[in-house]
Amino acid sequence: MKLHDIAHSRTGDKGDTSTISVIVYDAADFPRLDAWLTADRVAIRFAGIIDGPVDRYRLPTLGALNFVLHRALGGGVTRSLRLDQHGKSLSSWLLDMDLPESDDA
């Protein structure tokens, strides 16, 4: 199962910082997402793509997690030579993560 099977995403950017919100379709899936999708897992997923830390913010009432990826856009929209200066495709890469079959992983 992929992360996109239980959640969708919204993204934003400001300067060299990208934000990715991961929102579950069904509130019953939020505890699983909350336990499994850590800032460390997101940082590992984007290793070699981002140059800074990842912060995670919980929004349980919305069934969402918001990740702030620092130094993620190659200097920012007007300075980057990356194909996706806005970081929109970063959410697709994140949502393509495999979810473990059990909550233990």
Protein backbone atom coordinates (compact mmCIF):
# COMPACT_ATOMS: atom_id res chain seq x y z
CA MET A 1 0.00 0.00 0.00
CA LYS A 2 1.20 3.49 -0.83
CA LEU A 3 0.79 6.59 1.30
CA HIS A 4 -1.38 8.10 -1.45
CA ASP A 5 -3.91 5.30 -0.85
CA ILE A 6 -4.86 6.84 2.51
CA ALA A 7 -3.88 10.50 2.11
CA HIS A 8 -3.55 13.42 -0.24
CA SER A 9 -1.30 16.46 -0.07
CA ARG A 10 -1.09 20.22 -0.43
CA THR A 11 2.17 22.11 -0.84
CA GLY A 12 3.49 25.61 -0.52
CA ASP A 13 6.76 27.46 -0.73
CA LYS A 14 8.39 30.61 0.51
CA GLY A 15 11.93 31.38 -0.52
CA ASP A 16 14.01 28.24 -0.13
CA THR A 17 11.46 26.49 2.14
CA SER A 18 8.86 24.01 0.98
CA THR A 19 5.86 22.90 3.03
CA ILE A 20 4.01 19.65 2.47
CA SER A 21 0.77 18.86 4.24
CA VAL A 22 -0.33 15.23 4.25
CA ILE A 23 -4.06 14.86 4.92
CA VAL A 24 -5.85 11.54 5.45
CA TYR A 25 -9.04 10.81 3.52
CA ASP A 26 -10.53 9.00 6.53
CA ALA A 27 -9.98 10.28 10.09
CA ALA A 28 -9.63 6.66 11.25
CA ASP A 29 -6.29 6.52 9.40
CA PHE A 30 -4.78 9.52 11.20
CA PRO A 31 -3.35 7.59 14.20
CA ARG A 32 -1.48 5.29 11.80
CA LEU A 33 -0.18 8.23 9.79
CA ASP A 34 0.76 10.13 12.94
CA ALA A 35 2.73 7.20 14.35
CA TRP A 36 4.49 6.26 11.14
CA LEU A 37 5.20 9.43 9.14
CA THR A 38 7.87 11.11 11.23
CA ALA A 39 10.11 14.04 10.39
CA ASP A 40 13.03 11.60 10.28
CA ARG A 41 11.29 9.42 7.68
CA VAL A 42 10.52 12.46 5.55
CA ALA A 43 14.14 13.68 5.86
CA ILE A 44 15.37 10.25 4.76
CA ARG A 45 12.94 10.25 1.85
CA PHE A 46 14.34 13.59 0.63
CA ALA A 47 18.01 12.88 1.39
CA GLY A 48 20.10 14.35 -1.41
CA ILE A 49 17.24 16.62 -2.49
CA ILE A 50 16.97 18.97 0.48
CA ASP A 51 19.89 20.54 2.31
CA GLY A 52 18.25 21.40 5.63
CA PRO A 53 16.22 19.92 8.46
CA VAL A 54 12.58 18.82 8.39
CA ASP A 55 10.09 20.07 10.98
CA ARG A 56 6.78 18.28 11.59
CA TYR A 57 3.59 19.87 12.91
CA ARG A 58 0.53 17.86 13.92
CA LEU A 59 -3.00 18.97 13.04
CA PRO A 60 -5.05 16.09 14.45
CA THR A 61 -8.38 17.90 14.19
CA LEU A 62 -7.81 18.13 10.44
CA GLY A 63 -6.28 14.67 10.19
CA ALA A 64 -3.12 16.22 8.84
CA LEU A 65 0.61 16.52 9.33
CA ASN A 66 2.49 19.53 8.01
CA PHE A 67 6.17 19.22 7.13
CA VAL A 68 8.49 22.17 6.67
CA LEU A 69 11.50 21.32 4.52
CA HIS A 70 14.26 23.87 4.97
CA ARG A 71 16.72 24.65 2.17
CA ALA A 72 14.64 22.48 -0.14
CA LEU A 73 14.28 24.54 -3.31
CA GLY A 74 17.81 25.18 -4.51
CA GLY A 75 17.84 28.77 -3.27
CA GLY A 76 14.22 29.61 -4.05
CA VAL A 77 11.97 30.11 -7.06
CA THR A 78 13.93 32.98 -8.62
CA ARG A 79 17.38 31.51 -7.92
CA SER A 80 16.99 27.78 -8.48
CA LEU A 81 18.16 25.82 -11.49
CA ARG A 82 15.96 22.88 -10.47
CA LEU A 83 13.17 21.80 -12.80
CA ASP A 84 10.58 22.11 -10.04
CA GLN A 85 11.51 25.33 -8.26
CA HIS A 86 8.20 25.40 -6.39
CA GLY A 87 8.53 21.91 -4.93
CA LYS A 88 5.11 20.69 -6.12
CA SER A 89 6.51 17.34 -7.25
CA LEU A 90 8.00 16.79 -3.78
CA SER A 91 4.52 15.91 -2.53
CA SER A 92 4.14 13.25 -5.24
CA TRP A 93 7.47 11.74 -4.22
CA LEU A 94 6.38 11.70 -0.58
CA LEU A 95 2.94 10.19 -1.32
CA ASP A 96 4.62 7.40 -3.29
CA MET A 97 6.16 6.00 -0.10
CA ASP A 98 5.25 2.43 0.79
CA LEU A 99 3.27 2.07 4.00
CA PRO A 100 4.09 -0.96 6.12
CA GLU A 101 1.42 -3.65 6.32
CA SER A 102 1.32 -3.42 10.12
CA ASP A 103 1.57 -0.54 12.55
CA ASP A 104 4.76 -2.07 13.99
CA ALA A 105 7.11 -0.92 11.20
